[in-house]
Amino acid sequence: MCINVSKEEVLKNLLSTKEVAQLLDVNEKMVYGLIAEKGLPATKVTGKWLFPKHLLEQWIENTTQNLPSRASTLPPYDGLLVVAGSDDLLLDRTLNLFNKTYPQYLGVYGNVGSFGGLKALRKNLCHMASSHLIQAKDGDYNFKFAEEELSEPPAVINFCFREQGLILARENPLGIRSVADLVRKEIRVVNRPLNTGTRLLFDQHLERANVAAENMVGYGNEVHRHLDVGLEILAGRADVGPGIRAVAGILELGFLPLGRERFDLLISRECFFHKSVQQFLGLLHEKSFRCQAEFLSGYDISQAGRTIFPKDPESEQ
């Protein structure tokens, strides 16, 4: 059940420039330099810089020198495939298909968000991380975040493209036409957690529309899955929330598209040739996988299974 959250609770995970300066023991002017020159994670809302606390902690960890030695390689766990990262309906169905098609294996999934998936990959807790983190500067996906989080570049395989947007009540009774409408006091928002790519995309759209989080009713109400966003709206506890078209289609809700995104699988080099990983990737070229996608709206699997990195020299000729 969603509970309305106060402005103070919404902002408790966001630090001001002054607070960051005190934390890093530098002056405030130096903080602005770190944003421009060192990639200090920050977002500008209504003209003021704010710093997500969990991303700041990650940045400090990633810029630390003389780190302890890398964790031991993830054991093969004969027959086990561990996927961690972003929530996705088609991925969930594909893992079920994998388990049905290859009963000698077991595919398991940890829904920890795109950022959490990269952390799990770094700590050798999974074979593959699912991610759709959009890079604000160039509109590409995942590479900058992987570079910041991982000590070496992973293999990147496309899983799908999918539509992201705002899930709305059926027939859109409040007449929501854009992100800018979400400041209206009669509109109750349900949100995704900070460690998710959907939240990152939503916050970017809010920033472009000059919408301050503290002016939205329910911005701090977070649910774990895309489906949970739809269920909150279907139950009448919220009016709108960021999510994928597939959820709106399943629950027969309204949908306001915000864009098409690339959803990738990031695989550590030492795990790439594990038999369970290769069996799963091979499944992306099968008719049985395409049939799963046909049951859901908002997916494009025309590039599923394509290697995005490292690029095949022959494919560029």
C-alpha atoms as a PDB file:
ATOM      1  CA  MET A   1       0.000   0.000   0.000  1.00  0.00           C
ATOM      2  CA  CYS A   2       1.356   3.436  -0.936  1.00  0.00           C
ATOM      3  CA  ILE A   3       1.595   6.113   1.736  1.00  0.00           C
ATOM      4  CA  ASN A   4       2.008   9.792   0.935  1.00  0.00           C
ATOM      5  CA  VAL A   5       5.485  10.944   1.839  1.00  0.00           C
ATOM      6  CA  SER A   6       6.411  14.372   3.146  1.00  0.00           C
ATOM      7  CA  LYS A   7       8.768  16.757   1.382  1.00  0.00           C
ATOM      8  CA  GLU A   8      11.421  16.036   4.033  1.00  0.00           C
ATOM      9  CA  GLU A   9      11.244  12.290   3.381  1.00  0.00           C
ATOM     10  CA  VAL A  10      11.454  12.816  -0.382  1.00  0.00           C
ATOM     11  CA  LEU A  11      14.605  14.901  -0.045  1.00  0.00           C
ATOM     12  CA  LYS A  12      16.355  12.879   2.658  1.00  0.00           C
ATOM     13  CA  ASN A  13      18.360  10.940   0.037  1.00  0.00           C
ATOM     14  CA  LEU A  14      19.412  14.124  -1.787  1.00  0.00           C
ATOM     15  CA  LEU A  15      22.325  16.211  -0.520  1.00  0.00           C
ATOM     16  CA  SER A  16      22.889  19.914  -1.123  1.00  0.00           C
ATOM     17  CA  THR A  17      26.108  21.400  -2.478  1.00  0.00           C
ATOM     18  CA  LYS A  18      26.996  22.566   1.024  1.00  0.00           C
ATOM     19  CA  GLU A  19      26.451  19.096   2.506  1.00  0.00           C
ATOM     20  CA  VAL A  20      28.603  17.476  -0.191  1.00  0.00           C
ATOM     21  CA  ALA A  21      31.350  20.045   0.390  1.00  0.00           C
ATOM     22  CA  GLN A  22      31.304  19.219   4.108  1.00  0.00           C
ATOM     23  CA  LEU A  23      31.334  15.480   3.415  1.00  0.00           C
ATOM     24  CA  LEU A  24      34.319  15.736   1.048  1.00  0.00           C
ATOM     25  CA  ASP A  25      36.031  18.423   3.155  1.00  0.00           C
ATOM     26  CA  VAL A  26      36.349  20.847   0.220  1.00  0.00           C
ATOM     27  CA  ASN A  27      34.884  24.261  -0.532  1.00  0.00           C
ATOM     28  CA  GLU A  28      31.655  24.569  -2.514  1.00  0.00           C
ATOM     29  CA  LYS A  29      33.421  25.884  -5.640  1.00  0.00           C
ATOM     30  CA  MET A  30      35.455  22.676  -5.723  1.00  0.00           C
ATOM     31  CA  VAL A  31      32.204  20.665  -5.777  1.00  0.00           C
ATOM     32  CA  TYR A  32      31.171  22.377  -9.026  1.00  0.00           C
ATOM     33  CA  GLY A  33      34.568  21.507 -10.496  1.00  0.00           C
ATOM     34  CA  LEU A  34      34.144  17.863  -9.510  1.00  0.00           C
ATOM     35  CA  ILE A  35      30.808  17.776 -11.336  1.00  0.00           C
ATOM     36  CA  ALA A  36      32.350  19.065 -14.559  1.00  0.00           C
ATOM     37  CA  GLU A  37      35.755  17.390 -14.428  1.00  0.00           C
ATOM     38  CA  LYS A  38      35.407  14.212 -12.354  1.00  0.00           C
ATOM     39  CA  GLY A  39      31.849  13.113 -13.061  1.00  0.00           C
ATOM     40  CA  LEU A  40      30.503  13.764  -9.567  1.00  0.00           C
ATOM     41  CA  PRO A  41      26.864  12.520  -9.858  1.00  0.00           C
ATOM     42  CA  ALA A  42      24.411  15.412  -9.571  1.00  0.00           C
ATOM     43  CA  THR A  43      21.088  16.617 -10.891  1.00  0.00           C
ATOM     44  CA  LYS A  44      19.890  20.183 -11.308  1.00  0.00           C
ATOM     45  CA  VAL A  45      16.294  20.733 -10.185  1.00  0.00           C
ATOM     46  CA  THR A  46      14.776  24.228 -10.508  1.00  0.00           C
ATOM     47  CA  GLY A  47      18.248  25.693 -10.894  1.00  0.00           C
ATOM     48  CA  LYS A  48      19.774  24.050  -7.801  1.00  0.00           C
ATOM     49  CA  TRP A  49      22.276  21.184  -7.745  1.00  0.00           C
ATOM     50  CA  LEU A  50      21.200  18.108  -5.747  1.00  0.00           C
ATOM     51  CA  PHE A  51      23.262  14.961  -5.178  1.00  0.00           C
ATOM     52  CA  PRO A  52      21.695  11.466  -4.783  1.00  0.00           C
ATOM     53  CA  LYS A  53      23.358  10.059  -1.691  1.00  0.00           C
ATOM     54  CA  HIS A  54      23.688   6.478  -2.952  1.00  0.00           C
ATOM     55  CA  LEU A  55      25.317   7.628  -6.218  1.00  0.00           C
ATOM     56  CA  LEU A  56      27.711   9.884  -4.315  1.00  0.00           C
ATOM     57  CA  GLU A  57      28.783   6.929  -2.160  1.00  0.00           C
ATOM     58  CA  GLN A  58      29.252   4.855  -5.323  1.00  0.00           C
ATOM     59  CA  TRP A  59      31.350   7.646  -6.905  1.00  0.00           C
ATOM     60  CA  ILE A  60      33.601   7.806  -3.823  1.00  0.00           C
ATOM     61  CA  GLU A  61      34.048   4.023  -3.920  1.00  0.00           C
ATOM     62  CA  ASN A  62      34.818   4.005  -7.642  1.00  0.00           C
ATOM     63  CA  THR A  63      37.415   6.780  -7.368  1.00  0.00           C
ATOM     64  CA  THR A  64      39.197   5.131  -4.442  1.00  0.00           C
ATOM     65  CA  GLN A  65      42.779   4.079  -5.154  1.00  0.00           C
ATOM     66  CA  ASN A  66      44.574   1.006  -3.777  1.00  0.00           C
ATOM     67  CA  LEU A  67      41.391  -1.030  -3.601  1.00  0.00           C
ATOM     68  CA  PRO A  68      41.541  -4.560  -2.145  1.00  0.00           C
ATOM     69  CA  SER A  69      42.199  -7.281  -4.681  1.00  0.00           C
ATOM     70  CA  ARG A  70      39.343  -8.334  -6.934  1.00  0.00           C
ATOM     71  CA  ALA A  71      36.929 -10.901  -5.541  1.00  0.00           C
ATOM     72  CA  SER A  72      37.399 -14.456  -6.677  1.00  0.00           C
ATOM     73  CA  THR A  73      35.804 -15.529  -9.940  1.00  0.00           C
ATOM     74  CA  LEU A  74      32.167 -16.579  -9.703  1.00  0.00           C
ATOM     75  CA  PRO A  75      32.101 -20.369  -9.544  1.00  0.00           C
ATOM     76  CA  PRO A  76      30.527 -22.084 -12.562  1.00  0.00           C
ATOM     77  CA  TYR A  77      27.868 -23.705 -10.346  1.00  0.00           C
ATOM     78  CA  ASP A  78      27.241 -26.411 -12.916  1.00  0.00           C
ATOM     79  CA  GLY A  79      23.765 -25.884 -14.253  1.00  0.00           C
ATOM     80  CA  LEU A  80      23.067 -22.541 -12.514  1.00  0.00           C
ATOM     81  CA  LEU A  81      22.528 -19.222 -14.312  1.00  0.00           C
ATOM     82  CA  VAL A  82      22.338 -16.094 -12.134  1.00  0.00           C
ATOM     83  CA  VAL A  83      20.882 -12.904 -13.634  1.00  0.00           C
ATOM     84  CA  ALA A  84      20.639  -9.672 -11.602  1.00  0.00           C
ATOM     85  CA  GLY A  85      19.523  -6.175 -12.461  1.00  0.00           C
ATOM     86  CA  SER A  86      16.606  -4.404 -14.050  1.00  0.00           C
ATOM     87  CA  ASP A  87      13.043  -5.639 -13.795  1.00  0.00           C
ATOM     88  CA  ASP A  88      11.445  -6.717 -17.069  1.00  0.00           C
ATOM     89  CA  LEU A  89       8.383  -8.794 -17.903  1.00  0.00           C
ATOM     90  CA  LEU A  90       9.883 -10.362 -21.015  1.00  0.00           C
ATOM     91  CA  LEU A  91      13.110 -11.241 -19.207  1.00  0.00           C
ATOM     92  CA  ASP A  92      11.117 -12.922 -16.449  1.00  0.00           C
ATOM     93  CA  ARG A  93       9.187 -14.960 -19.020  1.00  0.00           C
ATOM     94  CA  THR A  94      12.388 -15.827 -20.877  1.00  0.00           C
ATOM     95  CA  LEU A  95      13.997 -17.182 -17.720  1.00  0.00           C
ATOM     96  CA  ASN A  96      10.911 -19.345 -17.199  1.00  0.00           C
ATOM     97  CA  LEU A  97      11.249 -20.497 -20.808  1.00  0.00           C
ATOM     98  CA  PHE A  98      14.950 -21.240 -20.193  1.00  0.00           C
ATOM     99  CA  ASN A  99      14.105 -23.396 -17.182  1.00  0.00           C
ATOM    100  CA  LYS A 100      11.454 -25.259 -19.157  1.00  0.00           C
ATOM    101  CA  THR A 101      13.627 -25.739 -22.250  1.00  0.00           C
ATOM    102  CA  TYR A 102      16.756 -26.778 -20.346  1.00  0.00           C
ATOM    103  CA  PRO A 103      15.599 -28.614 -17.198  1.00  0.00           C
ATOM    104  CA  GLN A 104      19.194 -29.597 -16.483  1.00  0.00           C
ATOM    105  CA  TYR A 105      19.859 -25.915 -15.701  1.00  0.00           C
ATOM    106  CA  LEU A 106      18.326 -23.470 -13.257  1.00  0.00           C
ATOM    107  CA  GLY A 107      17.992 -19.796 -14.151  1.00  0.00           C
ATOM    108  CA  VAL A 108      17.476 -17.479 -11.162  1.00  0.00           C
ATOM    109  CA  TYR A 109      16.900 -13.738 -11.130  1.00  0.00           C
ATOM    110  CA  GLY A 110      17.615 -10.955  -8.644  1.00  0.00           C
ATOM    111  CA  ASN A 111      15.494  -7.826  -9.191  1.00  0.00           C
ATOM    112  CA  VAL A 112      17.903  -5.210  -7.818  1.00  0.00           C
ATOM    113  CA  GLY A 113      17.617  -2.482 -10.476  1.00  0.00           C
ATOM    114  CA  SER A 114      20.110  -1.612 -13.203  1.00  0.00           C
ATOM    115  CA  PHE A 115      22.593  -0.040 -10.778  1.00  0.00           C
ATOM    116  CA  GLY A 116      22.279  -3.042  -8.471  1.00  0.00           C
ATOM    117  CA  GLY A 117      22.931  -5.385 -11.373  1.00  0.00           C
ATOM    118  CA  LEU A 118      26.214  -3.644 -12.175  1.00  0.00           C
ATOM    119  CA  LYS A 119      27.237  -3.858  -8.526  1.00  0.00           C
ATOM    120  CA  ALA A 120      26.410  -7.567  -8.467  1.00  0.00           C
ATOM    121  CA  LEU A 121      28.468  -8.080 -11.631  1.00  0.00           C
ATOM    122  CA  ARG A 122      31.409  -6.240 -10.078  1.00  0.00           C
ATOM    123  CA  LYS A 123      31.214  -8.395  -6.956  1.00  0.00           C
ATOM    124  CA  ASN A 124      30.953 -11.597  -9.042  1.00  0.00           C
ATOM    125  CA  LEU A 125      27.514 -12.367  -7.627  1.00  0.00           C
ATOM    126  CA  CYS A 126      25.911 -12.982 -11.017  1.00  0.00           C
ATOM    127  CA  HIS A 127      26.729 -14.152 -14.542  1.00  0.00           C
ATOM    128  CA  MET A 128      24.701 -11.459 -16.320  1.00  0.00           C
ATOM    129  CA  ALA A 129      23.385  -8.017 -15.392  1.00  0.00           C
ATOM    130  CA  SER A 130      20.278  -6.604 -17.072  1.00  0.00           C
ATOM    131  CA  SER A 131      20.477  -2.846 -17.571  1.00  0.00           C
ATOM    132  CA  HIS A 132      18.918   0.102 -19.436  1.00  0.00           C
ATOM    133  CA  LEU A 133      20.785   3.092 -17.985  1.00  0.00           C
ATOM    134  CA  ILE A 134      20.547   6.017 -20.386  1.00  0.00           C
ATOM    135  CA  GLN A 135      23.553   8.314 -20.735  1.00  0.00           C
ATOM    136  CA  ALA A 136      22.335  11.918 -20.549  1.00  0.00           C
ATOM    137  CA  LYS A 137      25.061  13.377 -22.764  1.00  0.00           C
ATOM    138  CA  ASP A 138      24.823  11.146 -25.832  1.00  0.00           C
ATOM    139  CA  GLY A 139      21.650   9.099 -25.392  1.00  0.00           C
ATOM    140  CA  ASP A 140      23.549   5.790 -25.515  1.00  0.00           C
ATOM    141  CA  TYR A 141      23.018   3.139 -22.863  1.00  0.00           C
ATOM    142  CA  ASN A 142      25.021   1.394 -20.129  1.00  0.00           C
ATOM    143  CA  PHE A 143      28.623   1.933 -21.304  1.00  0.00           C
ATOM    144  CA  LYS A 144      29.467   4.942 -19.122  1.00  0.00           C
ATOM    145  CA  PHE A 145      27.903   3.330 -16.071  1.00  0.00           C
ATOM    146  CA  ALA A 146      29.703   0.042 -16.699  1.00  0.00           C
ATOM    147  CA  GLU A 147      32.993   1.900 -17.088  1.00  0.00           C
ATOM    148  CA  GLU A 148      32.448   3.644 -13.749  1.00  0.00           C
ATOM    149  CA  GLU A 149      31.424   0.494 -11.892  1.00  0.00           C
ATOM    150  CA  LEU A 150      33.508  -2.310 -13.412  1.00  0.00           C
ATOM    151  CA  SER A 151      37.259  -2.785 -13.550  1.00  0.00           C
ATOM    152  CA  GLU A 152      37.098  -4.171 -17.097  1.00  0.00           C
ATOM    153  CA  PRO A 153      34.492  -3.839 -19.854  1.00  0.00           C
ATOM    154  CA  PRO A 154      31.879  -6.592 -20.031  1.00  0.00           C
ATOM    155  CA  ALA A 155      30.398  -8.153 -23.127  1.00  0.00           C
ATOM    156  CA  VAL A 156      27.153  -6.339 -23.986  1.00  0.00           C
ATOM    157  CA  ILE A 157      24.351  -8.276 -25.688  1.00  0.00           C
ATOM    158  CA  ASN A 158      21.050  -6.682 -26.665  1.00  0.00           C
ATOM    159  CA  PHE A 159      17.989  -8.303 -25.108  1.00  0.00           C
ATOM    160  CA  CYS A 160      15.307  -6.015 -26.515  1.00  0.00           C
ATOM    161  CA  PHE A 161      14.117  -2.491 -27.144  1.00  0.00           C
ATOM    162  CA  ARG A 162      11.030  -1.458 -25.205  1.00  0.00           C
ATOM    163  CA  GLU A 163       8.717   1.513 -24.722  1.00  0.00           C
ATOM    164  CA  GLN A 164       9.017   3.526 -21.524  1.00  0.00           C
ATOM    165  CA  GLY A 165       6.488   6.108 -20.423  1.00  0.00           C
ATOM    166  CA  LEU A 166       3.819   6.976 -17.884  1.00  0.00           C
ATOM    167  CA  ILE A 167       1.295   4.331 -16.878  1.00  0.00           C
ATOM    168  CA  LEU A 168      -2.099   5.976 -16.358  1.00  0.00           C
ATOM    169  CA  ALA A 169      -5.533   5.048 -15.094  1.00  0.00           C
ATOM    170  CA  ARG A 170      -7.786   3.586 -17.770  1.00  0.00           C
ATOM    171  CA  GLU A 171      -9.065   6.261 -20.196  1.00  0.00           C
ATOM    172  CA  ASN A 172      -6.850   8.832 -18.435  1.00  0.00           C
ATOM    173  CA  PRO A 173      -9.629  10.501 -16.385  1.00  0.00           C
ATOM    174  CA  LEU A 174      -7.309  13.264 -15.106  1.00  0.00           C
ATOM    175  CA  GLY A 175      -6.261  14.254 -18.621  1.00  0.00           C
ATOM    176  CA  ILE A 176      -2.510  13.839 -18.094  1.00  0.00           C
ATOM    177  CA  ARG A 177      -0.790  14.942 -21.315  1.00  0.00           C
ATOM    178  CA  SER A 178       2.855  15.404 -20.272  1.00  0.00           C
ATOM    179  CA  VAL A 179       5.300  15.098 -17.384  1.00  0.00           C
ATOM    180  CA  ALA A 180       4.666  18.780 -16.608  1.00  0.00           C
ATOM    181  CA  ASP A 181       1.117  17.890 -15.507  1.00  0.00           C
ATOM    182  CA  LEU A 182       2.417  15.861 -12.562  1.00  0.00           C
ATOM    183  CA  VAL A 183       2.683  18.933 -10.322  1.00  0.00           C
ATOM    184  CA  ARG A 184      -1.115  19.179 -10.201  1.00  0.00           C
ATOM    185  CA  LYS A 185      -2.171  18.516  -6.603  1.00  0.00           C
ATOM    186  CA  GLU A 186      -4.978  16.126  -7.535  1.00  0.00           C
ATOM    187  CA  ILE A 187      -2.503  13.770  -9.260  1.00  0.00           C
ATOM    188  CA  ARG A 188      -0.962  11.056  -7.081  1.00  0.00           C
ATOM    189  CA  VAL A 189       2.323   9.561  -8.313  1.00  0.00           C
ATOM    190  CA  VAL A 190       3.784   6.129  -7.645  1.00  0.00           C
ATOM    191  CA  ASN A 191       7.522   5.814  -8.299  1.00  0.00           C
ATOM    192  CA  ARG A 192      10.362   3.313  -8.821  1.00  0.00           C
ATOM    193  CA  PRO A 193      13.457   3.079  -6.545  1.00  0.00           C
ATOM    194  CA  LEU A 194      16.579   5.180  -7.036  1.00  0.00           C
ATOM    195  CA  ASN A 195      18.675   2.194  -8.159  1.00  0.00           C
ATOM    196  CA  THR A 196      16.554   1.620 -11.282  1.00  0.00           C
ATOM    197  CA  GLY A 197      17.014   2.799 -14.849  1.00  0.00           C
ATOM    198  CA  THR A 198      13.330   3.745 -14.997  1.00  0.00           C
ATOM    199  CA  ARG A 199      13.796   6.176 -12.089  1.00  0.00           C
ATOM    200  CA  LEU A 200      16.861   7.656 -13.801  1.00  0.00           C
ATOM    201  CA  LEU A 201      14.870   8.222 -16.994  1.00  0.00           C
ATOM    202  CA  PHE A 202      11.871   9.624 -15.096  1.00  0.00           C
ATOM    203  CA  ASP A 203      14.065  12.095 -13.197  1.00  0.00           C
ATOM    204  CA  GLN A 204      15.662  13.237 -16.456  1.00  0.00           C
ATOM    205  CA  HIS A 205      12.223  13.980 -17.918  1.00  0.00           C
ATOM    206  CA  LEU A 206      11.231  15.846 -14.755  1.00  0.00           C
ATOM    207  CA  GLU A 207      14.366  17.953 -14.991  1.00  0.00           C
ATOM    208  CA  ARG A 208      13.694  18.827 -18.637  1.00  0.00           C
ATOM    209  CA  ALA A 209      10.137  19.830 -17.733  1.00  0.00           C
ATOM    210  CA  ASN A 210      11.442  21.892 -14.773  1.00  0.00           C
ATOM    211  CA  VAL A 211       9.309  19.863 -12.363  1.00  0.00           C
ATOM    212  CA  ALA A 212      10.589  19.750  -8.772  1.00  0.00           C
ATOM    213  CA  ALA A 213      10.195  16.436  -6.944  1.00  0.00           C
ATOM    214  CA  GLU A 214       8.968  18.149  -3.773  1.00  0.00           C
ATOM    215  CA  ASN A 215       6.032  19.633  -5.685  1.00  0.00           C
ATOM    216  CA  MET A 216       4.649  16.208  -6.656  1.00  0.00           C
ATOM    217  CA  VAL A 217       2.210  14.213  -4.537  1.00  0.00           C
ATOM    218  CA  GLY A 218       3.592  10.712  -3.989  1.00  0.00           C
ATOM    219  CA  TYR A 219       7.027  11.113  -5.601  1.00  0.00           C
ATOM    220  CA  GLY A 220       8.559   9.256  -2.646  1.00  0.00           C
ATOM    221  CA  ASN A 221       6.132   6.310  -2.889  1.00  0.00           C
ATOM    222  CA  GLU A 222       8.391   3.599  -4.337  1.00  0.00           C
ATOM    223  CA  VAL A 223       7.435   0.103  -5.486  1.00  0.00           C
ATOM    224  CA  HIS A 224       9.729  -2.710  -6.500  1.00  0.00           C
ATOM    225  CA  ARG A 225       8.519  -3.767  -9.960  1.00  0.00           C
ATOM    226  CA  HIS A 226       6.983  -2.293 -13.108  1.00  0.00           C
ATOM    227  CA  LEU A 227       3.963  -4.494 -12.475  1.00  0.00           C
ATOM    228  CA  ASP A 228       3.586  -3.027  -8.986  1.00  0.00           C
ATOM    229  CA  VAL A 229       3.291   0.457 -10.510  1.00  0.00           C
ATOM    230  CA  GLY A 230       0.403  -0.757 -12.630  1.00  0.00           C
ATOM    231  CA  LEU A 231      -1.261  -2.535  -9.708  1.00  0.00           C
ATOM    232  CA  GLU A 232      -1.150   0.615  -7.552  1.00  0.00           C
ATOM    233  CA  ILE A 233      -2.892   2.532 -10.343  1.00  0.00           C
ATOM    234  CA  LEU A 234      -5.369  -0.274 -11.018  1.00  0.00           C
ATOM    235  CA  ALA A 235      -6.272  -0.352  -7.302  1.00  0.00           C
ATOM    236  CA  GLY A 236      -6.862   3.409  -7.269  1.00  0.00           C
ATOM    237  CA  ARG A 237      -4.047   4.187  -4.831  1.00  0.00           C
ATOM    238  CA  ALA A 238      -2.157   6.208  -7.462  1.00  0.00           C
ATOM    239  CA  ASP A 239      -2.994   7.931 -10.735  1.00  0.00           C
ATOM    240  CA  VAL A 240       0.273   7.731 -12.657  1.00  0.00           C
ATOM    241  CA  GLY A 241       3.753   6.248 -12.490  1.00  0.00           C
ATOM    242  CA  PRO A 242       6.786   5.575 -14.704  1.00  0.00           C
ATOM    243  CA  GLY A 243       6.887   2.168 -16.345  1.00  0.00           C
ATOM    244  CA  ILE A 244       6.833   0.099 -19.509  1.00  0.00           C
ATOM    245  CA  ARG A 245       4.011  -0.236 -22.023  1.00  0.00           C
ATOM    246  CA  ALA A 246       3.814  -3.997 -21.461  1.00  0.00           C
ATOM    247  CA  VAL A 247       2.378  -3.465 -17.962  1.00  0.00           C
ATOM    248  CA  ALA A 248      -0.272  -1.063 -19.247  1.00  0.00           C
ATOM    249  CA  GLY A 249      -1.176  -3.637 -21.894  1.00  0.00           C
ATOM    250  CA  ILE A 250      -1.514  -6.537 -19.450  1.00  0.00           C
ATOM    251  CA  LEU A 251      -3.629  -4.544 -16.971  1.00  0.00           C
ATOM    252  CA  GLU A 252      -5.571  -2.629 -19.646  1.00  0.00           C
ATOM    253  CA  LEU A 253      -4.417   0.752 -18.348  1.00  0.00           C
ATOM    254  CA  GLY A 254      -3.587   3.970 -20.160  1.00  0.00           C
ATOM    255  CA  PHE A 255      -0.068   4.763 -21.353  1.00  0.00           C
ATOM    256  CA  LEU A 256       1.718   7.990 -22.308  1.00  0.00           C
ATOM    257  CA  PRO A 257       4.943   7.107 -24.186  1.00  0.00           C
ATOM    258  CA  LEU A 258       8.155   8.933 -23.299  1.00  0.00           C
ATOM    259  CA  GLY A 259      10.510   7.044 -25.584  1.00  0.00           C
ATOM    260  CA  ARG A 260      12.041   3.802 -26.788  1.00  0.00           C
ATOM    261  CA  GLU A 261      14.994   2.393 -24.870  1.00  0.00           C
ATOM    262  CA  ARG A 262      17.635  -0.267 -25.316  1.00  0.00           C
ATOM    263  CA  PHE A 263      17.681  -3.054 -22.731  1.00  0.00           C
ATOM    264  CA  ASP A 264      20.964  -4.990 -22.575  1.00  0.00           C
ATOM    265  CA  LEU A 265      22.577  -7.959 -20.895  1.00  0.00           C
ATOM    266  CA  LEU A 266      26.077  -7.237 -19.539  1.00  0.00           C
ATOM    267  CA  ILE A 267      28.218 -10.326 -19.069  1.00  0.00           C
ATOM    268  CA  SER A 268      31.600 -10.612 -17.402  1.00  0.00           C
ATOM    269  CA  ARG A 269      34.341 -11.953 -19.660  1.00  0.00           C
ATOM    270  CA  GLU A 270      35.089 -14.950 -17.447  1.00  0.00           C
ATOM    271  CA  CYS A 271      31.412 -15.986 -17.455  1.00  0.00           C
ATOM    272  CA  PHE A 272      30.629 -15.377 -21.124  1.00  0.00           C
ATOM    273  CA  PHE A 273      31.435 -18.902 -22.304  1.00  0.00           C
ATOM    274  CA  HIS A 274      29.790 -20.724 -19.420  1.00  0.00           C
ATOM    275  CA  LYS A 275      27.460 -23.262 -20.979  1.00  0.00           C
ATOM    276  CA  SER A 276      24.375 -21.967 -19.169  1.00  0.00           C
ATOM    277  CA  VAL A 277      25.076 -18.409 -20.402  1.00  0.00           C
ATOM    278  CA  GLN A 278      25.511 -19.569 -23.981  1.00  0.00           C
ATOM    279  CA  GLN A 279      22.337 -21.653 -23.832  1.00  0.00           C
ATOM    280  CA  PHE A 280      20.383 -18.619 -22.622  1.00  0.00           C
ATOM    281  CA  LEU A 281      21.810 -16.354 -25.339  1.00  0.00           C
ATOM    282  CA  GLY A 282      21.048 -18.991 -27.949  1.00  0.00           C
ATOM    283  CA  LEU A 283      17.436 -18.997 -26.803  1.00  0.00           C
ATOM    284  CA  LEU A 284      17.109 -15.354 -27.937  1.00  0.00           C
ATOM    285  CA  HIS A 285      17.266 -16.528 -31.552  1.00  0.00           C
ATOM    286  CA  GLU A 286      14.568 -19.165 -31.181  1.00  0.00           C
ATOM    287  CA  LYS A 287      10.915 -19.020 -32.221  1.00  0.00           C
ATOM    288  CA  SER A 288       9.860 -19.881 -28.665  1.00  0.00           C
ATOM    289  CA  PHE A 289      11.405 -16.609 -27.455  1.00  0.00           C
ATOM    290  CA  ARG A 290       9.683 -14.602 -30.196  1.00  0.00           C
ATOM    291  CA  CYS A 291       6.382 -16.132 -29.188  1.00  0.00           C
ATOM    292  CA  GLN A 292       6.893 -14.888 -25.621  1.00  0.00           C
ATOM    293  CA  ALA A 293       7.401 -11.333 -26.906  1.00  0.00           C
ATOM    294  CA  GLU A 294       4.257 -11.504 -29.052  1.00  0.00           C
ATOM    295  CA  PHE A 295       2.120 -11.830 -25.922  1.00  0.00           C
ATOM    296  CA  LEU A 296       3.409  -8.481 -24.623  1.00  0.00           C
ATOM    297  CA  SER A 297       3.051  -4.964 -26.047  1.00  0.00           C
ATOM    298  CA  GLY A 298       5.813  -2.406 -26.468  1.00  0.00           C
ATOM    299  CA  TYR A 299       8.718  -4.743 -27.288  1.00  0.00           C
ATOM    300  CA  ASP A 300      11.041  -4.848 -30.294  1.00  0.00           C
ATOM    301  CA  ILE A 301      13.224  -7.988 -30.317  1.00  0.00           C
ATOM    302  CA  SER A 302      14.608  -7.556 -33.833  1.00  0.00           C
ATOM    303  CA  GLN A 303      18.123  -7.080 -32.373  1.00  0.00           C
ATOM    304  CA  ALA A 304      17.822  -9.626 -29.557  1.00  0.00           C
ATOM    305  CA  GLY A 305      21.031 -11.618 -29.144  1.00  0.00           C
ATOM    306  CA  ARG A 306      23.124  -9.125 -31.144  1.00  0.00           C
ATOM    307  CA  THR A 307      26.577  -8.399 -29.722  1.00  0.00           C
ATOM    308  CA  ILE A 308      26.893  -4.667 -29.108  1.00  0.00           C
ATOM    309  CA  PHE A 309      30.322  -4.908 -27.463  1.00  0.00           C
ATOM    310  CA  PRO A 310      32.864  -6.059 -28.411  1.00  0.00           C
ATOM    311  CA  LYS A 311      31.857  -5.278 -31.961  1.00  0.00           C
ATOM    312  CA  ASP A 312      32.369  -7.902 -34.635  1.00  0.00           C
ATOM    313  CA  PRO A 313      34.745  -6.373 -37.266  1.00  0.00           C
ATOM    314  CA  GLU A 314      32.999  -8.340 -40.030  1.00  0.00           C
ATOM    315  CA  SER A 315      29.612  -6.776 -39.126  1.00  0.00           C
ATOM    316  CA  GLU A 316      31.035  -3.288 -39.806  1.00  0.00           C
ATOM    317  CA  GLN A 317      32.261  -4.102 -43.318  1.00  0.00           C
END
